Amino acid sequence: MVGSDVVGGGPAGRGFGRLWAAYAVSTFGTRLAFDAFPLIAVVVLDAGPGRVAALAAAGAAVGAVVAVPLGPWVEFRRKRPVMVAMDLVRCAVLLSVPLAYAFGRLGFVQLLVVSVVVAAADITFRTAAGSCLKALVPPARLLTANGRFEATTWTATMLGPPVGGVVIGLSGPVVTVAVDAVSYLLSALGIGAIGGEEPRPPRAGANRSGAGDLLDGWQYVLASPALRPLFLNTVLVNGLIMATAPLLAVLMLGDLGFAPWQYGLAFAVPCAGGLVGSRLARPLVARFGEHRVLVVSGVLRVCWPVGLAFVGPGTAGLVLVMVVEFGLITSVGVHNPVAATRRLELTPADRVARTLSAWTISAKLTTATLTAVWGLLAGLTGTRTAVALAGVLMLATPLLLPRRAHAPAPALPGARR
């Protein structure tokens, strides 16, 4: 098995290091191009709010539906070639945007198609990446590995959008899409450089192609007393958090009159909490146990968002947003790597791809649905009321957290433990 040596207390050897580097470069590229498509739609194509909203929601939702049959397909194939292929697909379709723009042929339909393809490829990549990580990293090091991915995510989220904003200001949003495309090419090269022989997964039961096979990931998750509460809690909490993001933009930039740079600052600075939380996850688990940290951090992360309903104008309002977001993101920074590690521990190696595919598709569809519902709700009740309602509902979600710890899934015969 590749990367079985433990180097310097890290999760594994060069195999994991290259996987981590590939993740880092593609994540920074994506965060650099944050909101590039809506900006292109508005600035280049003169699209109105309705078309911009459709671009964001339809791209993610249709991409998730397109990815449904890909989970079972990935399960029985070597994961690294799939990851490289998905990186190259994302690189190619994203490069089509600056090319079409250069020749004066860029249109809204192309942006929509690219959004769908990128969303489907992203889900497929994540599906394969989870299986790849479980194969590369010993079980005792999974939490450390997931903590490093979490820290990378929040670092990229903190630095990428401001840098991207500077690039957009100097060169326009199309340039950031090109940079994002190149980041996927570099990611493909990094994954391809992992080296070593990746064994082909056993094909027992892999020849089915009916609806039962497509739904196997959901059936397994929902039938598992260990995974089901974690799945329902994660999907609902993340969906409610993301559903309020557009409403906060309307509230702060419109009703309260904050400048765009203040709005960006309010959400960029608290991302440092993600770095703090991801570094705390492992020592907290070592001291208090995985289950206790999972539940406590899961409760803490939903105690903060209701405070956003009370944001006011001026410096006090800006500080309130930063404090609330810092508390939320720090709690999330602890919870996410612990939850991701628990999910891999509870999932047999021959089901990881289907489980992660079902999980990610459900998360994207739930987020798209709740975003649309909360947009309608804000129109009926007001933006602040809709934000408050999401915060109140989140306070009830700890009821879905796992009540007790469960034993990890047994390893396959011959698997490295």
Protein backbone atom coordinates (compact mmCIF):
# COMPACT_ATOMS: atom_id res chain seq x y z
CA MET A 1 0.00 0.00 0.00
CA VAL A 2 1.37 3.40 -0.97
CA GLY A 3 2.57 5.74 1.75
CA SER A 4 2.38 3.23 4.57
CA ASP A 5 5.36 4.77 6.34
CA VAL A 6 4.70 7.41 8.94
CA VAL A 7 7.01 10.36 8.53
CA GLY A 8 7.65 12.97 11.19
CA GLY A 9 4.41 12.29 13.04
CA GLY A 10 2.36 13.09 9.93
CA PRO A 11 -0.48 11.00 8.52
CA ALA A 12 1.70 9.08 6.04
CA GLY A 13 4.61 9.47 3.67
CA ARG A 14 4.99 11.11 0.29
CA GLY A 15 1.71 9.68 -0.98
CA PHE A 16 -0.36 11.71 1.44
CA GLY A 17 1.90 14.74 1.01
CA ARG A 18 1.23 14.80 -2.72
CA LEU A 19 -2.50 14.30 -2.23
CA TRP A 20 -2.53 17.17 0.27
CA ALA A 21 -0.53 19.41 -2.08
CA ALA A 22 -2.94 18.64 -4.93
CA TYR A 23 -5.89 19.50 -2.70
CA ALA A 24 -4.24 22.73 -1.55
CA VAL A 25 -3.50 24.06 -5.03
CA SER A 26 -6.97 23.28 -6.42
CA THR A 27 -8.68 24.70 -3.32
CA PHE A 28 -6.75 27.96 -3.53
CA GLY A 29 -7.58 28.19 -7.22
CA THR A 30 -11.27 27.68 -6.53
CA ARG A 31 -11.35 30.23 -3.72
CA LEU A 32 -9.46 32.70 -5.88
CA ALA A 33 -12.25 32.41 -8.45
CA PHE A 34 -14.96 32.68 -5.81
CA ASP A 35 -18.16 34.15 -7.31
CA ALA A 36 -16.44 34.55 -10.69
CA PHE A 37 -19.38 33.10 -12.64
CA PRO A 38 -22.00 35.46 -11.15
CA LEU A 39 -19.63 38.37 -11.80
CA ILE A 40 -19.11 37.26 -15.40
CA ALA A 41 -22.87 36.90 -15.84
CA VAL A 42 -23.47 40.43 -14.52
CA VAL A 43 -20.46 42.32 -15.90
CA VAL A 44 -19.88 40.54 -19.21
CA LEU A 45 -23.32 39.18 -20.13
CA ASP A 46 -25.48 41.85 -18.44
CA ALA A 47 -27.60 39.18 -16.71
CA GLY A 48 -30.25 40.18 -14.20
CA PRO A 49 -30.77 38.80 -10.66
CA GLY A 50 -33.05 36.00 -11.83
CA ARG A 51 -30.54 34.58 -14.29
CA VAL A 52 -27.68 34.94 -11.80
CA ALA A 53 -29.67 33.05 -9.15
CA ALA A 54 -30.56 30.38 -11.70
CA LEU A 55 -26.90 30.00 -12.62
CA ALA A 56 -25.92 29.39 -9.00
CA ALA A 57 -28.79 27.09 -8.05
CA ALA A 58 -29.31 25.14 -11.27
CA GLY A 59 -25.62 24.50 -11.84
CA ALA A 60 -25.18 22.86 -8.44
CA ALA A 61 -28.52 21.01 -8.47
CA VAL A 62 -28.29 19.61 -12.00
CA GLY A 63 -24.63 18.75 -11.46
CA ALA A 64 -25.60 16.76 -8.37
CA VAL A 65 -28.26 14.83 -10.32
CA VAL A 66 -25.79 14.12 -13.14
CA ALA A 67 -23.37 12.69 -10.55
CA VAL A 68 -25.87 10.15 -9.17
CA PRO A 69 -24.78 7.20 -11.36
CA LEU A 70 -21.10 8.03 -10.94
CA GLY A 71 -20.85 6.86 -7.30
CA PRO A 72 -21.33 3.15 -8.09
CA TRP A 73 -19.14 3.57 -11.17
CA VAL A 74 -16.26 4.99 -9.10
CA GLU A 75 -16.55 2.33 -6.39
CA PHE A 76 -15.07 -0.44 -8.50
CA ARG A 77 -12.35 1.50 -10.26
CA ARG A 78 -8.93 2.66 -9.21
CA LYS A 79 -9.48 5.99 -7.50
CA ARG A 80 -6.44 7.99 -8.52
CA PRO A 81 -7.08 7.74 -12.28
CA VAL A 82 -10.66 8.86 -11.63
CA MET A 83 -9.40 11.85 -9.63
CA VAL A 84 -6.94 12.81 -12.36
CA ALA A 85 -9.67 12.51 -14.99
CA MET A 86 -12.05 14.72 -13.00
CA ASP A 87 -9.33 17.34 -12.53
CA LEU A 88 -8.65 17.35 -16.28
CA VAL A 89 -12.39 17.60 -17.06
CA ARG A 90 -12.71 20.62 -14.76
CA CYS A 91 -9.60 22.18 -16.25
CA ALA A 92 -10.88 21.75 -19.81
CA VAL A 93 -14.41 23.07 -19.28
CA LEU A 94 -13.21 26.04 -17.24
CA LEU A 95 -10.65 26.96 -19.90
CA SER A 96 -13.50 27.08 -22.42
CA VAL A 97 -14.80 30.21 -20.65
CA PRO A 98 -11.77 32.52 -21.24
CA LEU A 99 -11.34 31.04 -24.73
CA ALA A 100 -14.94 31.78 -25.67
CA TYR A 101 -14.61 35.26 -24.13
CA ALA A 102 -11.45 35.95 -26.14
CA PHE A 103 -13.31 35.14 -29.37
CA GLY A 104 -16.46 37.05 -28.37
CA ARG A 105 -18.57 33.88 -28.19
CA LEU A 106 -19.21 33.56 -24.46
CA GLY A 107 -22.89 33.12 -23.58
CA PHE A 108 -25.09 32.37 -20.58
CA VAL A 109 -25.86 28.82 -21.72
CA GLN A 110 -22.15 28.01 -21.80
CA LEU A 111 -21.72 29.28 -18.23
CA LEU A 112 -24.64 27.11 -17.14
CA VAL A 113 -23.25 24.00 -18.86
CA VAL A 114 -19.79 24.60 -17.39
CA SER A 115 -21.34 25.00 -13.92
CA VAL A 116 -23.15 21.66 -14.27
CA VAL A 117 -20.07 19.79 -15.51
CA VAL A 118 -17.83 21.28 -12.80
CA ALA A 119 -20.36 20.40 -10.09
CA ALA A 120 -20.68 16.79 -11.29
CA ALA A 121 -16.90 16.41 -11.62
CA ASP A 122 -16.41 17.92 -8.16
CA ILE A 123 -18.75 15.36 -6.57
CA THR A 124 -17.07 12.51 -8.44
CA PHE A 125 -13.62 13.74 -7.39
CA ARG A 126 -14.63 13.92 -3.74
CA THR A 127 -16.16 10.47 -3.96
CA ALA A 128 -12.88 9.00 -5.21
CA ALA A 129 -10.74 11.15 -2.89
CA GLY A 130 -12.35 9.75 0.27
CA SER A 131 -11.52 6.20 -0.79
CA CYS A 132 -8.02 7.27 -1.78
CA LEU A 133 -7.43 8.89 1.60
CA LYS A 134 -8.63 5.81 3.48
CA ALA A 135 -6.20 3.67 1.47
CA LEU A 136 -3.23 6.01 1.87
CA VAL A 137 -3.53 6.85 5.56
CA PRO A 138 -3.52 4.43 8.52
CA PRO A 139 -6.70 4.62 10.63
CA ALA A 140 -4.85 6.16 13.58
CA ARG A 141 -3.74 9.07 11.35
CA LEU A 142 -7.05 9.84 9.63
CA LEU A 143 -7.99 12.61 12.04
CA THR A 144 -4.62 14.33 11.51
CA ALA A 145 -5.06 14.10 7.74
CA ASN A 146 -8.60 15.47 7.84
CA GLY A 147 -7.46 18.24 10.16
CA ARG A 148 -4.84 19.30 7.60
CA PHE A 149 -7.43 19.35 4.83
CA GLU A 150 -9.72 21.44 7.04
CA ALA A 151 -6.93 23.91 7.86
CA THR A 152 -6.12 24.21 4.16
CA THR A 153 -9.76 24.89 3.33
CA TRP A 154 -10.03 27.75 5.80
CA THR A 155 -6.65 29.22 4.83
CA ALA A 156 -7.76 29.26 1.19
CA THR A 157 -11.13 30.73 2.17
CA MET A 158 -9.41 33.49 4.14
CA LEU A 159 -6.85 34.43 1.49
CA GLY A 160 -8.37 33.41 -1.85
CA PRO A 161 -11.35 35.78 -2.22
CA PRO A 162 -9.40 38.95 -1.29
CA VAL A 163 -6.60 38.06 -3.71
CA GLY A 164 -9.19 37.13 -6.30
CA GLY A 165 -10.88 40.47 -5.78
CA VAL A 166 -7.61 42.26 -6.55
CA VAL A 167 -7.11 40.13 -9.68
CA ILE A 168 -10.68 40.82 -10.81
CA GLY A 169 -10.19 44.52 -10.22
CA LEU A 170 -7.05 44.53 -12.37
CA SER A 171 -7.91 42.00 -15.08
CA GLY A 172 -11.58 41.05 -14.82
CA PRO A 173 -13.31 37.88 -13.57
CA VAL A 174 -12.46 35.76 -16.62
CA VAL A 175 -8.78 35.70 -15.60
CA THR A 176 -9.60 34.08 -12.25
CA VAL A 177 -11.47 31.30 -14.06
CA ALA A 178 -8.33 30.61 -16.09
CA VAL A 179 -6.26 30.47 -12.89
CA ASP A 180 -8.79 28.05 -11.39
CA ALA A 181 -8.49 25.85 -14.49
CA VAL A 182 -4.69 25.77 -14.19
CA SER A 183 -4.99 24.83 -10.51
CA TYR A 184 -6.90 21.69 -11.50
CA LEU A 185 -4.18 20.81 -14.00
CA LEU A 186 -1.57 21.13 -11.25
CA SER A 187 -3.75 19.02 -8.97
CA ALA A 188 -3.91 16.29 -11.62
CA LEU A 189 -0.13 16.33 -11.91
CA GLY A 190 0.24 16.05 -8.13
CA ILE A 191 -2.15 13.10 -7.87
CA GLY A 192 -0.46 11.41 -10.81
CA ALA A 193 2.87 11.77 -9.00
CA ILE A 194 1.72 9.82 -5.93
CA GLY A 195 3.24 6.74 -7.49
CA GLY A 196 3.10 3.14 -6.40
CA GLU A 197 0.61 0.53 -7.51
CA GLU A 198 -3.02 1.08 -6.60
CA PRO A 199 -4.81 -2.27 -6.38
CA ARG A 200 -7.95 -2.70 -8.44
CA PRO A 201 -11.03 -2.97 -6.19
CA PRO A 202 -12.84 -6.34 -6.24
CA ARG A 203 -15.68 -6.43 -8.74
CA ALA A 204 -18.01 -8.71 -6.80
CA GLY A 205 -21.51 -7.35 -7.20
CA ALA A 206 -20.28 -4.55 -9.42
CA ASN A 207 -21.98 -5.58 -12.61
CA ARG A 208 -25.42 -4.34 -11.67
CA SER A 209 -26.62 -1.10 -13.19
CA GLY A 210 -30.17 -0.86 -11.93
CA ALA A 211 -31.79 1.67 -9.63
CA GLY A 212 -30.89 -0.43 -6.59
CA ASP A 213 -27.20 -0.03 -7.34
CA LEU A 214 -27.57 3.73 -7.87
CA LEU A 215 -29.37 4.10 -4.53
CA ASP A 216 -27.05 1.78 -2.61
CA GLY A 217 -25.17 4.68 -0.97
CA TRP A 218 -28.35 6.20 0.44
CA GLN A 219 -29.68 2.81 1.51
CA TYR A 220 -26.50 2.06 3.41
CA VAL A 221 -26.34 5.47 5.14
CA LEU A 222 -30.02 5.55 6.12
CA ALA A 223 -29.97 1.96 7.37
CA SER A 224 -26.91 2.54 9.54
CA PRO A 225 -27.72 3.58 13.13
CA ALA A 226 -24.23 5.06 13.34
CA LEU A 227 -24.14 7.04 10.08
CA ARG A 228 -27.77 8.11 9.74
CA PRO A 229 -27.86 10.72 12.55
CA LEU A 230 -24.50 12.15 11.49
CA PHE A 231 -25.70 12.36 7.87
CA LEU A 232 -29.02 14.07 8.69
CA ASN A 233 -27.39 16.52 11.10
CA THR A 234 -24.57 17.46 8.72
CA VAL A 235 -26.75 17.94 5.66
CA LEU A 236 -29.36 20.02 7.49
CA VAL A 237 -26.93 22.26 9.40
CA ASN A 238 -24.74 22.96 6.38
CA GLY A 239 -27.80 23.63 4.23
CA LEU A 240 -29.23 26.15 6.70
CA ILE A 241 -25.88 27.92 7.08
CA MET A 242 -25.46 28.26 3.32
CA ALA A 243 -29.10 29.26 2.78
CA THR A 244 -28.59 32.40 4.85
CA ALA A 245 -25.42 33.51 3.03
CA PRO A 246 -27.24 35.39 0.21
CA LEU A 247 -29.62 36.93 2.75
CA LEU A 248 -26.74 38.26 4.83
CA ALA A 249 -25.29 39.86 1.71
CA VAL A 250 -28.62 41.59 1.06
CA LEU A 251 -28.94 42.64 4.70
CA MET A 252 -25.42 44.00 5.08
CA LEU A 253 -24.80 45.49 1.64
CA GLY A 254 -28.33 46.73 1.09
CA ASP A 255 -30.33 47.44 4.25
CA LEU A 256 -27.39 48.29 6.53
CA GLY A 257 -25.22 50.06 3.96
CA PHE A 258 -21.91 48.28 4.54
CA ALA A 259 -19.27 48.78 1.84
CA PRO A 260 -18.24 45.68 -0.13
CA TRP A 261 -14.78 45.69 1.46
CA GLN A 262 -16.37 45.70 4.93
CA TYR A 263 -18.61 42.80 3.97
CA GLY A 264 -15.60 40.84 2.69
CA LEU A 265 -13.60 41.65 5.81
CA ALA A 266 -16.43 40.51 8.07
CA PHE A 267 -16.28 37.00 6.63
CA ALA A 268 -12.56 36.71 5.74
CA VAL A 269 -11.04 37.53 9.15
CA PRO A 270 -13.10 34.95 11.11
CA CYS A 271 -11.75 32.19 8.83
CA ALA A 272 -8.74 32.22 11.16
CA GLY A 273 -11.07 30.38 13.53
CA GLY A 274 -11.08 27.46 11.11
CA LEU A 275 -7.30 27.20 11.49
CA VAL A 276 -7.63 27.28 15.28
CA GLY A 277 -10.39 24.68 15.31
CA SER A 278 -8.67 22.29 12.92
CA ARG A 279 -5.50 22.40 15.05
CA LEU A 280 -7.50 21.76 18.22
CA ALA A 281 -9.43 18.76 16.87
CA ARG A 282 -6.77 16.09 17.43
CA PRO A 283 -5.65 17.10 20.97
CA LEU A 284 -9.29 17.46 22.02
CA VAL A 285 -10.09 13.96 20.75
CA ALA A 286 -6.98 12.59 22.49
CA ARG A 287 -8.14 14.09 25.79
CA PHE A 288 -11.93 13.76 25.70
CA GLY A 289 -12.62 11.06 23.14
CA GLU A 290 -13.93 11.24 19.58
CA HIS A 291 -17.63 10.92 20.36
CA ARG A 292 -17.70 13.62 23.02
CA VAL A 293 -15.81 16.09 20.82
CA LEU A 294 -18.09 15.28 17.88
CA VAL A 295 -21.24 16.01 19.90
CA VAL A 296 -19.99 19.06 21.81
CA SER A 297 -18.55 20.74 18.72
CA GLY A 298 -21.75 19.84 16.83
CA VAL A 299 -23.80 21.63 19.49
CA LEU A 300 -21.49 24.65 19.71
CA ARG A 301 -21.49 25.29 15.96
CA VAL A 302 -25.26 25.89 15.90
CA CYS A 303 -25.32 28.24 18.90
CA TRP A 304 -23.86 31.15 16.91
CA PRO A 305 -25.88 31.81 13.72
CA VAL A 306 -28.98 33.18 15.46
CA GLY A 307 -26.85 36.14 16.54
CA LEU A 308 -26.62 37.30 12.92
CA ALA A 309 -30.27 38.34 13.08
CA PHE A 310 -29.28 41.15 15.45
CA VAL A 311 -26.57 42.75 13.32
CA GLY A 312 -26.89 46.52 13.06
CA PRO A 313 -25.13 49.26 11.11
CA GLY A 314 -21.70 50.71 11.81
CA THR A 315 -18.68 49.36 13.63
CA ALA A 316 -20.71 47.55 16.29
CA GLY A 317 -22.58 45.59 13.63
CA LEU A 318 -19.36 44.68 11.84
CA VAL A 319 -17.77 43.49 15.08
CA LEU A 320 -20.87 41.42 15.92
CA VAL A 321 -20.70 39.63 12.57
CA MET A 322 -16.99 38.91 13.05
CA VAL A 323 -17.50 37.54 16.58
CA VAL A 324 -20.41 35.33 15.53
CA GLU A 325 -18.62 34.05 12.45
CA PHE A 326 -15.40 33.41 14.39
CA GLY A 327 -17.27 31.33 16.96
CA LEU A 328 -19.16 29.46 14.26
CA ILE A 329 -16.10 28.76 12.10
CA THR A 330 -13.93 27.71 15.06
CA SER A 331 -16.59 25.20 16.12
CA VAL A 332 -16.92 23.98 12.53
CA GLY A 333 -13.13 23.69 12.29
CA VAL A 334 -13.18 21.24 15.21
CA HIS A 335 -16.31 19.38 14.12
CA ASN A 336 -15.64 18.82 10.42
CA PRO A 337 -12.41 16.76 10.60
CA VAL A 338 -13.79 14.70 13.48
CA ALA A 339 -17.02 14.04 11.57
CA ALA A 340 -15.15 13.24 8.34
CA THR A 341 -12.90 10.83 10.20
CA ARG A 342 -15.85 9.15 11.91
CA ARG A 343 -17.62 8.77 8.57
CA LEU A 344 -14.62 6.98 7.05
CA GLU A 345 -14.20 4.81 10.15
CA LEU A 346 -17.83 3.70 10.01
CA THR A 347 -17.83 2.95 6.28
CA PRO A 348 -16.37 -0.31 4.92
CA ALA A 349 -13.66 0.24 2.30
CA ASP A 350 -15.81 -1.35 -0.41
CA ARG A 351 -18.62 1.16 0.18
CA VAL A 352 -16.76 4.43 0.67
CA ALA A 353 -17.27 5.79 -2.85
CA ARG A 354 -21.02 5.12 -2.96
CA THR A 355 -21.50 6.47 0.55
CA LEU A 356 -19.56 9.67 -0.09
CA SER A 357 -21.32 10.16 -3.41
CA ALA A 358 -24.76 9.90 -1.80
CA TRP A 359 -23.65 12.16 1.05
CA THR A 360 -22.26 14.91 -1.21
CA ILE A 361 -25.18 14.81 -3.65
CA SER A 362 -27.65 15.08 -0.76
CA ALA A 363 -25.74 18.01 0.71
CA LYS A 364 -25.71 19.94 -2.56
CA LEU A 365 -29.38 19.32 -3.32
CA THR A 366 -30.40 20.22 0.24
CA THR A 367 -28.38 23.44 0.10
CA ALA A 368 -29.89 24.41 -3.25
CA THR A 369 -33.42 23.68 -2.01
CA LEU A 370 -33.04 25.52 1.29
CA THR A 371 -31.42 28.49 -0.44
CA ALA A 372 -34.43 28.79 -2.74
CA VAL A 373 -36.90 28.32 0.12
CA TRP A 374 -35.18 30.91 2.31
CA GLY A 375 -35.11 33.35 -0.58
CA LEU A 376 -38.90 33.05 -0.87
CA LEU A 377 -39.26 33.25 2.91
CA ALA A 378 -37.22 36.46 3.02
CA GLY A 379 -39.56 37.96 0.43
CA LEU A 380 -42.56 37.13 2.60
CA THR A 381 -41.26 37.89 6.09
CA GLY A 382 -38.24 40.13 5.57
CA THR A 383 -34.53 39.34 5.38
CA ARG A 384 -33.78 39.66 9.10
CA THR A 385 -36.71 37.43 10.08
CA ALA A 386 -35.62 34.73 7.64
CA VAL A 387 -32.06 34.80 9.03
CA ALA A 388 -33.45 34.54 12.57
CA LEU A 389 -35.68 31.60 11.66
CA ALA A 390 -32.73 29.68 10.19
CA GLY A 391 -30.76 30.32 13.39
CA VAL A 392 -33.62 29.11 15.60
CA LEU A 393 -34.09 25.95 13.53
CA MET A 394 -30.38 25.20 13.82
CA LEU A 395 -30.71 25.21 17.61
CA ALA A 396 -32.85 22.08 17.29
CA THR A 397 -30.44 20.15 15.06
CA PRO A 398 -28.29 18.70 17.91
CA LEU A 399 -31.22 16.32 18.47
CA LEU A 400 -30.02 14.57 15.30
CA LEU A 401 -26.45 14.07 16.52
CA PRO A 402 -25.33 10.48 17.33
CA ARG A 403 -26.32 9.52 20.87
CA ARG A 404 -23.48 7.05 21.39
CA ALA A 405 -20.19 5.96 19.91
CA HIS A 406 -20.11 3.07 17.43
CA ALA A 407 -17.33 0.65 16.57
CA PRO A 408 -15.48 1.30 13.30
CA ALA A 409 -16.37 -0.79 10.27
CA PRO A 410 -14.33 -4.01 9.99
CA ALA A 411 -11.43 -3.94 7.58
CA LEU A 412 -11.53 -5.95 4.38
CA PRO A 413 -9.38 -9.12 4.38
CA GLY A 414 -5.77 -8.16 3.77
CA ALA A 415 -6.37 -4.43 4.32
CA ARG A 416 -3.74 -2.48 6.23
CA ARG A 417 -4.81 -1.37 9.72
